[in-house]
Every structure is written in C-alpha cells, then in structure tokens.
C-alpha atoms as a PDB file:
ATOM      1  CA  MET A   1     114.175 120.528 104.606  1.00  0.00           C
ATOM      2  CA  ILE A   2     115.729 117.585 102.746  1.00  0.00           C
ATOM      3  CA  GLU A   3     117.576 116.523 105.884  1.00  0.00           C
ATOM      4  CA  LEU A   4     114.379 116.618 107.961  1.00  0.00           C
ATOM      5  CA  VAL A   5     112.459 114.510 105.435  1.00  0.00           C
ATOM      6  CA  ASN A   6     115.283 111.976 105.267  1.00  0.00           C
ATOM      7  CA  ASN A   7     115.297 111.751 109.055  1.00  0.00           C
ATOM      8  CA  ASN A   8     111.537 111.172 108.993  1.00  0.00           C
ATOM      9  CA  LEU A   9     112.008 108.387 106.439  1.00  0.00           C
ATOM     10  CA  ASP A  10     114.053 106.484 109.028  1.00  0.00           C
ATOM     11  CA  LYS A  11     111.050 106.412 111.375  1.00  0.00           C
ATOM     12  CA  VAL A  12     108.949 103.806 109.652  1.00  0.00           C
ATOM     13  CA  GLN A  13     106.504 101.062 110.506  1.00  0.00           C
ATOM     14  CA  PHE A  14     107.291  98.223 108.078  1.00  0.00           C
ATOM     15  CA  GLU A  15     104.771  95.446 107.481  1.00  0.00           C
ATOM     16  CA  THR A  16     105.011  92.380 105.246  1.00  0.00           C
ATOM     17  CA  LYS A  17     101.346  91.330 105.184  1.00  0.00           C
ATOM     18  CA  PRO A  18      99.504  91.144 102.901  1.00  0.00           C
ATOM     19  CA  PHE A  19     102.409  92.712 100.960  1.00  0.00           C
ATOM     20  CA  ASN A  20     105.421  94.789 101.853  1.00  0.00           C
ATOM     21  CA  HIS A  21     104.360  98.301 102.794  1.00  0.00           C
ATOM     22  CA  TRP A  22     105.676 101.143 104.891  1.00  0.00           C
ATOM     23  CA  VAL A  23     103.700 103.600 107.050  1.00  0.00           C
ATOM     24  CA  TYR A  24     105.132 106.902 108.289  1.00  0.00           C
ATOM     25  CA  ASP A  25     103.586 108.931 111.084  1.00  0.00           C
ATOM     26  CA  LYS A  26     104.928 112.066 109.417  1.00  0.00           C
ATOM     27  CA  VAL A  27     106.885 112.707 106.235  1.00  0.00           C
ATOM     28  CA  LEU A  28     107.122 116.409 105.425  1.00  0.00           C
ATOM     29  CA  PRO A  29     108.024 119.376 107.613  1.00  0.00           C
ATOM     30  CA  GLU A  30     104.879 120.332 109.530  1.00  0.00           C
ATOM     31  CA  ASN A  31     104.641 123.789 107.947  1.00  0.00           C
ATOM     32  CA  ILE A  32     104.922 122.343 104.435  1.00  0.00           C
ATOM     33  CA  ALA A  33     102.219 119.754 105.100  1.00  0.00           C
ATOM     34  CA  ASN A  34      99.899 122.455 106.439  1.00  0.00           C
ATOM     35  CA  ASP A  35     100.634 124.770 103.507  1.00  0.00           C
ATOM     36  CA  LEU A  36      99.819 121.977 101.057  1.00  0.00           C
ATOM     37  CA  SER A  37      96.617 121.188 102.925  1.00  0.00           C
ATOM     38  CA  ASP A  38      95.578 124.840 102.880  1.00  0.00           C
ATOM     39  CA  LEU A  39      96.249 125.490  99.185  1.00  0.00           C
ATOM     40  CA  PRO A  40      93.150 127.226  97.755  1.00  0.00           C
ATOM     41  CA  ILE A  41      92.445 124.598  95.105  1.00  0.00           C
ATOM     42  CA  LEU A  42      88.872 123.440  94.612  1.00  0.00           C
ATOM     43  CA  SER A  43      87.877 119.916  93.653  1.00  0.00           C
ATOM     44  CA  SER A  44      86.000 119.604  90.365  1.00  0.00           C
ATOM     45  CA  SER A  45      82.599 117.984  90.174  1.00  0.00           C
ATOM     46  CA  ILE A  46      82.678 114.470  88.689  1.00  0.00           C
ATOM     47  CA  ASP A  47      79.500 113.395  86.905  1.00  0.00           C
ATOM     48  CA  LYS A  48      80.285 109.682  86.804  1.00  0.00           C
ATOM     49  CA  ASN A  49      82.546 107.871  89.227  1.00  0.00           C
ATOM     50  CA  SER A  50      83.895 104.661  87.711  1.00  0.00           C
ATOM     51  CA  GLY A  51      86.272 103.640  90.485  1.00  0.00           C
ATOM     52  CA  LYS A  52      89.331 104.385  88.350  1.00  0.00           C
ATOM     53  CA  ARG A  53      91.759 107.228  89.043  1.00  0.00           C
ATOM     54  CA  ASP A  54      91.736 108.484  85.428  1.00  0.00           C
ATOM     55  CA  THR A  55      88.039 109.282  85.849  1.00  0.00           C
ATOM     56  CA  TYR A  56      89.124 112.068  88.193  1.00  0.00           C
ATOM     57  CA  ASN A  57      91.610 113.851  85.908  1.00  0.00           C
ATOM     58  CA  THR A  58      89.938 117.212  86.501  1.00  0.00           C
ATOM     59  CA  SER A  59      90.504 116.913  90.252  1.00  0.00           C
ATOM     60  CA  ARG A  60      94.226 116.182  90.173  1.00  0.00           C
ATOM     61  CA  LEU A  61      97.213 118.477  89.654  1.00  0.00           C
ATOM     62  CA  PHE A  62     100.550 117.171  88.461  1.00  0.00           C
ATOM     63  CA  PHE A  63     103.790 118.679  89.669  1.00  0.00           C
ATOM     64  CA  ASN A  64     104.955 119.265  86.102  1.00  0.00           C
ATOM     65  CA  LYS A  65     106.925 122.250  84.873  1.00  0.00           C
ATOM     66  CA  ARG A  66     103.803 124.360  84.300  1.00  0.00           C
ATOM     67  CA  ASN A  67     102.378 123.853  87.784  1.00  0.00           C
ATOM     68  CA  CYS A  68     105.778 124.086  89.459  1.00  0.00           C
ATOM     69  CA  ASN A  69     106.175 127.505  87.872  1.00  0.00           C
ATOM     70  CA  LYS A  70     102.771 128.437  89.291  1.00  0.00           C
ATOM     71  CA  TYR A  71     103.223 127.093  92.843  1.00  0.00           C
ATOM     72  CA  SER A  72     106.530 127.543  94.663  1.00  0.00           C
ATOM     73  CA  LEU A  73     105.371 124.916  97.150  1.00  0.00           C
ATOM     74  CA  PHE A  74     105.305 122.352  94.351  1.00  0.00           C
ATOM     75  CA  ARG A  75     108.904 123.214  93.511  1.00  0.00           C
ATOM     76  CA  ASP A  76     109.901 122.610  97.124  1.00  0.00           C
ATOM     77  CA  ILE A  77     108.374 119.124  97.059  1.00  0.00           C
ATOM     78  CA  VAL A  78     109.989 118.284  93.713  1.00  0.00           C
ATOM     79  CA  ASN A  79     113.378 119.350  95.036  1.00  0.00           C
ATOM     80  CA  ILE A  80     112.984 117.050  98.052  1.00  0.00           C
ATOM     81  CA  PHE A  81     112.082 113.944  96.074  1.00  0.00           C
ATOM     82  CA  ASN A  82     114.446 114.609  93.167  1.00  0.00           C
ATOM     83  CA  ASN A  83     117.337 115.008  95.575  1.00  0.00           C
ATOM     84  CA  LEU A  84     119.861 112.177  95.259  1.00  0.00           C
ATOM     85  CA  LYS A  85     120.027 111.711  99.023  1.00  0.00           C
ATOM     86  CA  THR A  86     116.263 111.145  99.181  1.00  0.00           C
ATOM     87  CA  ILE A  87     116.321 108.804  96.185  1.00  0.00           C
ATOM     88  CA  ILE A  88     119.112 106.726  97.734  1.00  0.00           C
ATOM     89  CA  LYS A  89     117.286 106.626 101.067  1.00  0.00           C
ATOM     90  CA  LEU A  90     114.025 105.430  99.482  1.00  0.00           C
ATOM     91  CA  SER A  91     115.909 102.880  97.360  1.00  0.00           C
ATOM     92  CA  GLN A  92     117.529 101.442 100.471  1.00  0.00           C
ATOM     93  CA  ILE A  93     114.207 101.260 102.283  1.00  0.00           C
ATOM     94  CA  CYS A  94     112.214  99.549  99.532  1.00  0.00           C
ATOM     95  CA  GLY A  95     115.056  97.493  98.041  1.00  0.00           C
ATOM     96  CA  ARG A  96     114.469  98.735  94.501  1.00  0.00           C
ATOM     97  CA  ASP A  97     116.873 100.981  92.565  1.00  0.00           C
ATOM     98  CA  LEU A  98     115.053 104.270  91.924  1.00  0.00           C
ATOM     99  CA  SER A  99     118.069 106.164  90.585  1.00  0.00           C
ATOM    100  CA  LYS A 100     117.025 105.740  86.937  1.00  0.00           C
ATOM    101  CA  GLY A 101     113.385 106.516  87.612  1.00  0.00           C
ATOM    102  CA  LYS A 102     111.543 109.698  86.742  1.00  0.00           C
ATOM    103  CA  LEU A 103     109.645 111.606  89.413  1.00  0.00           C
ATOM    104  CA  ARG A 104     105.876 111.915  89.013  1.00  0.00           C
ATOM    105  CA  ILE A 105     103.800 113.676  91.681  1.00  0.00           C
ATOM    106  CA  GLU A 106     100.119 114.512  91.728  1.00  0.00           C
ATOM    107  CA  TYR A 107      97.925 116.405  94.155  1.00  0.00           C
ATOM    108  CA  THR A 108      94.516 114.744  94.284  1.00  0.00           C
ATOM    109  CA  LEU A 109      91.281 116.267  95.563  1.00  0.00           C
ATOM    110  CA  ASP A 110      88.547 113.690  96.040  1.00  0.00           C
ATOM    111  CA  THR A 111      85.057 114.367  97.300  1.00  0.00           C
ATOM    112  CA  GLY A 112      81.466 113.132  97.322  1.00  0.00           C
ATOM    113  CA  ASP A 113      81.027 109.540  96.159  1.00  0.00           C
ATOM    114  CA  PHE A 114      84.648 109.155  95.086  1.00  0.00           C
ATOM    115  CA  TRP A 115      85.915 105.590  95.216  1.00  0.00           C
ATOM    116  CA  LEU A 116      88.675 103.439  93.745  1.00  0.00           C
ATOM    117  CA  GLU A 117      88.121  99.780  92.968  1.00  0.00           C
ATOM    118  CA  PRO A 118      90.684  97.276  94.279  1.00  0.00           C
ATOM    119  CA  HIS A 119      93.547  97.449  91.811  1.00  0.00           C
ATOM    120  CA  LEU A 120      97.242  96.862  91.242  1.00  0.00           C
ATOM    121  CA  ASP A 121      99.594  99.637  90.220  1.00  0.00           C
ATOM    122  CA  ILE A 122     101.065  99.151  86.769  1.00  0.00           C
ATOM    123  CA  LYS A 123     104.634  97.847  86.532  1.00  0.00           C
ATOM    124  CA  GLU A 124     105.883 101.189  85.171  1.00  0.00           C
ATOM    125  CA  LYS A 125     105.453 102.596  88.689  1.00  0.00           C
ATOM    126  CA  LEU A 126     108.596 101.621  90.564  1.00  0.00           C
ATOM    127  CA  LEU A 127     107.346 103.064  93.849  1.00  0.00           C
ATOM    128  CA  THR A 128     104.144 104.649  95.117  1.00  0.00           C
ATOM    129  CA  PHE A 129     104.238 106.944  98.145  1.00  0.00           C
ATOM    130  CA  LEU A 130     100.993 108.531  99.351  1.00  0.00           C
ATOM    131  CA  ILE A 131     101.037 111.442 101.775  1.00  0.00           C
ATOM    132  CA  TYR A 132      97.655 112.400 103.205  1.00  0.00           C
ATOM    133  CA  LEU A 133      96.877 116.101 103.513  1.00  0.00           C
ATOM    134  CA  SER A 134      93.356 116.648 104.845  1.00  0.00           C
ATOM    135  CA  LYS A 135      92.617 117.680 108.413  1.00  0.00           C
ATOM    136  CA  GLU A 136      88.844 118.001 108.207  1.00  0.00           C
ATOM    137  CA  LYS A 137      86.388 116.421 110.612  1.00  0.00           C
ATOM    138  CA  GLY A 138      85.842 112.799 109.651  1.00  0.00           C
ATOM    139  CA  SER A 139      88.963 112.586 107.514  1.00  0.00           C
ATOM    140  CA  ASN A 140      90.356 109.827 109.737  1.00  0.00           C
ATOM    141  CA  GLU A 141      88.030 107.471 107.818  1.00  0.00           C
ATOM    142  CA  TRP A 142      89.530 108.305 104.410  1.00  0.00           C
ATOM    143  CA  GLY A 143      92.584 106.038 104.416  1.00  0.00           C
ATOM    144  CA  THR A 144      93.490 103.630 101.628  1.00  0.00           C
ATOM    145  CA  THR A 145      92.196 100.083 102.057  1.00  0.00           C
ATOM    146  CA  ILE A 146      94.619  97.231 101.391  1.00  0.00           C
ATOM    147  CA  TYR A 147      93.388  93.788 100.398  1.00  0.00           C
ATOM    148  CA  ASN A 148      94.431  90.172 100.599  1.00  0.00           C
ATOM    149  CA  SER A 149      95.045  88.339  97.318  1.00  0.00           C
ATOM    150  CA  ASP A 150      91.426  87.095  97.353  1.00  0.00           C
ATOM    151  CA  LEU A 151      90.326  90.769  97.600  1.00  0.00           C
ATOM    152  CA  SER A 152      89.024  90.407 101.126  1.00  0.00           C
ATOM    153  CA  VAL A 153      89.810  93.466 103.235  1.00  0.00           C
ATOM    154  CA  TYR A 154      93.048  93.239 105.209  1.00  0.00           C
ATOM    155  CA  LYS A 155      92.945  96.687 106.811  1.00  0.00           C
ATOM    156  CA  LYS A 156      92.461 100.374 106.237  1.00  0.00           C
ATOM    157  CA  VAL A 157      95.573 102.525 106.450  1.00  0.00           C
ATOM    158  CA  PRO A 158      95.130 105.337 109.010  1.00  0.00           C
ATOM    159  CA  TYR A 159      94.452 108.744 107.497  1.00  0.00           C
ATOM    160  CA  LYS A 160      95.755 111.951 109.024  1.00  0.00           C
ATOM    161  CA  LEU A 161      97.655 115.025 107.926  1.00  0.00           C
ATOM    162  CA  ASN A 162     101.218 114.196 106.821  1.00  0.00           C
ATOM    163  CA  LEU A 163     100.907 110.425 107.301  1.00  0.00           C
ATOM    164  CA  GLY A 164     102.704 108.464 104.580  1.00  0.00           C
ATOM    165  CA  PHE A 165     101.861 105.089 103.034  1.00  0.00           C
ATOM    166  CA  MET A 166     104.375 103.516 100.654  1.00  0.00           C
ATOM    167  CA  PHE A 167     104.492 100.326  98.579  1.00  0.00           C
ATOM    168  CA  MET A 168     105.842  98.953  95.314  1.00  0.00           C
ATOM    169  CA  SER A 169     103.934  97.641  92.323  1.00  0.00           C
ATOM    170  CA  GLY A 170     103.607  93.875  92.345  1.00  0.00           C
ATOM    171  CA  ILE A 171     101.330  90.912  91.724  1.00  0.00           C
ATOM    172  CA  ASN A 172      99.623  91.104  95.118  1.00  0.00           C
ATOM    173  CA  THR A 173      99.635  94.790  96.108  1.00  0.00           C
ATOM    174  CA  TRP A 174      95.868  95.206  95.928  1.00  0.00           C
ATOM    175  CA  HIS A 175      94.593  98.532  97.247  1.00  0.00           C
ATOM    176  CA  GLY A 176      91.666 100.890  96.761  1.00  0.00           C
ATOM    177  CA  VAL A 177      89.180 103.233  98.401  1.00  0.00           C
ATOM    178  CA  PRO A 178      85.685 101.784  99.038  1.00  0.00           C
ATOM    179  CA  LYS A 179      82.589 103.749  98.141  1.00  0.00           C
ATOM    180  CA  GLN A 180      81.778 106.376 100.730  1.00  0.00           C
ATOM    181  CA  ASN A 181      80.231 109.806 100.925  1.00  0.00           C
ATOM    182  CA  ILE A 182      83.163 112.149 101.493  1.00  0.00           C
ATOM    183  CA  LYS A 183      81.965 115.350 103.122  1.00  0.00           C
ATOM    184  CA  GLY A 184      84.829 117.704 102.455  1.00  0.00           C
ATOM    185  CA  ILE A 185      87.869 117.138 100.267  1.00  0.00           C
ATOM    186  CA  ARG A 186      90.154 114.132 100.596  1.00  0.00           C
ATOM    187  CA  LYS A 187      93.533 115.626  99.721  1.00  0.00           C
ATOM    188  CA  SER A 188      96.622 113.547  99.027  1.00  0.00           C
ATOM    189  CA  LEU A 189      99.989 113.645  97.360  1.00  0.00           C
ATOM    190  CA  ILE A 190     100.747 110.611  95.226  1.00  0.00           C
ATOM    191  CA  ILE A 191     104.474 110.381  94.604  1.00  0.00           C
ATOM    192  CA  ASN A 192     105.746 107.895  92.042  1.00  0.00           C
ATOM    193  CA  TYR A 193     109.078 107.037  90.585  1.00  0.00           C
ATOM    194  CA  VAL A 194     108.333 105.653  87.122  1.00  0.00           C
ATOM    195  CA  ASN A 195     110.499 103.880  84.572  1.00  0.00           C
ATOM    196  CA  ASN A 196     111.448 105.063  81.104  1.00  0.00           C
ATOM    197  CA  SER A 197     108.381 103.431  79.550  1.00  0.00           C
ATOM    198  CA  TRP A 198     106.122 106.102  81.056  1.00  0.00           C
ATOM    199  CA  ARG A 199     104.264 107.733  78.169  1.00  0.00           C
ATOM    200  CA  ASN A 200     102.522 110.727  79.746  1.00  0.00           C
ATOM    201  CA  LEU A 201     105.527 113.012  79.897  1.00  0.00           C
ATOM    202  CA  ASP A 202     103.384 116.011  80.862  1.00  0.00           C
ATOM    203  CA  GLU A 203     102.929 114.300  84.237  1.00  0.00           C
ATOM    204  CA  ILE A 204     106.677 114.151  84.924  1.00  0.00           C
ATOM    205  CA  SER A 205     108.241 116.636  87.334  1.00  0.00           C
ATOM    206  CA  PRO A 206     111.185 118.828  86.290  1.00  0.00           C
ATOM    207  CA  SER A 207     114.568 117.345  87.138  1.00  0.00           C
ATOM    208  CA  SER A 208     115.649 120.297  89.288  1.00  0.00           C
ATOM    209  CA  TYR A 209     115.157 123.952  90.230  1.00  0.00           C
END
C-alpha cells in the first residue's frame, strides 16, 4: 500500500501560479478511497456557519489515538503518511523538510451552506494535503477555490474521489470554499504535517501501529 501511494505521488501536476501547488489524479489505493468514502459517519448539523473551519468541529474526525483504535482504516492511513519513505517523498516534492513534523489528519464532512472564507494556513502547518472523498451527484462542483493575492478567483480545483490537492503555508496561498448549497456530504481528508509549536495534541496522529 505504501509503495502504491508513493508511486502515485510521482504522478503530479505541478503549478506555480498563483502559488506553488500540486494536484494528483489519484492518491490512495482505489479500495481504500472507496472504503473511506463509504464510512457510515453522519455530518452534524451546524446552526451558524462563520466561514471558519473551527466552526465545524462537530463534523470533523481526527485520526488521533482514540479514533485510530476505533477505525482500522484510519490506522492504515496513518501508517502510510507516518512512513519514512512517504515523508521523504513528500519532502522532496514540496522542498520542505517534513521529517521533524507531526502528522495531523482529519476527516471532514461538510454539507448544506458550508463555506470557508479565503484564508491562509497558519505557519505551524508545514504542508497541507487534501484528498477528496465524495462521489455523489454534483460533487464535481465542490473543489477548493484558490485565489490571487488580491483575492480575485484564480481557479477552482477539480473535485472527484481520490483526487489530491497539496500546498504549503505561505504569504500568498489564499484558498477557501465559496458559499454554496451542498446537497449531500462533501467528504475530504485533510493531511497536515505540523511543527512542534502545535498546541492541540489531541489532533495529532499516533507515531506508529
């Protein structure tokens, strides 16, 4: 499984505008992506959508020790992205040393009038790697929007099952999800490598299984 993912990481579309980002047609083994998509996890109702990810804490699951003990599939994903070969591969691709970073993964379930305002990732996130998981009708419209420095829209990243979108935190890496009425559940993995300043240790994945 690790070998297959690393092979997939070599098949990348790299773009430099409006900031360095990488798009993968597929990341995970097909059966793993489908199993993640089909997990029987329901999205929670959000009374007030503020356009910030922490508003949606009840509709996100972290791949921490507790949830990895509950879902064997989560353990499989943690083992892939905590593997030294994968870490070295991603470091070579993005040009940033991830070997001292801590792995943080969340499974997000967004629905209804979910949106994210244009924002920059905080500097504690060394790398952000989104893997889309939905395969519902209309989900092709659910991709992340990336913006120019003046916050005008540059493009929307394609959305489909197992497509990956990767970038690093920086002064111009503006991204978000415009307001829309999501009929269904917009499922994604958000994989981060974070530095030692990360405070929410309950969000950190176990080092190994």
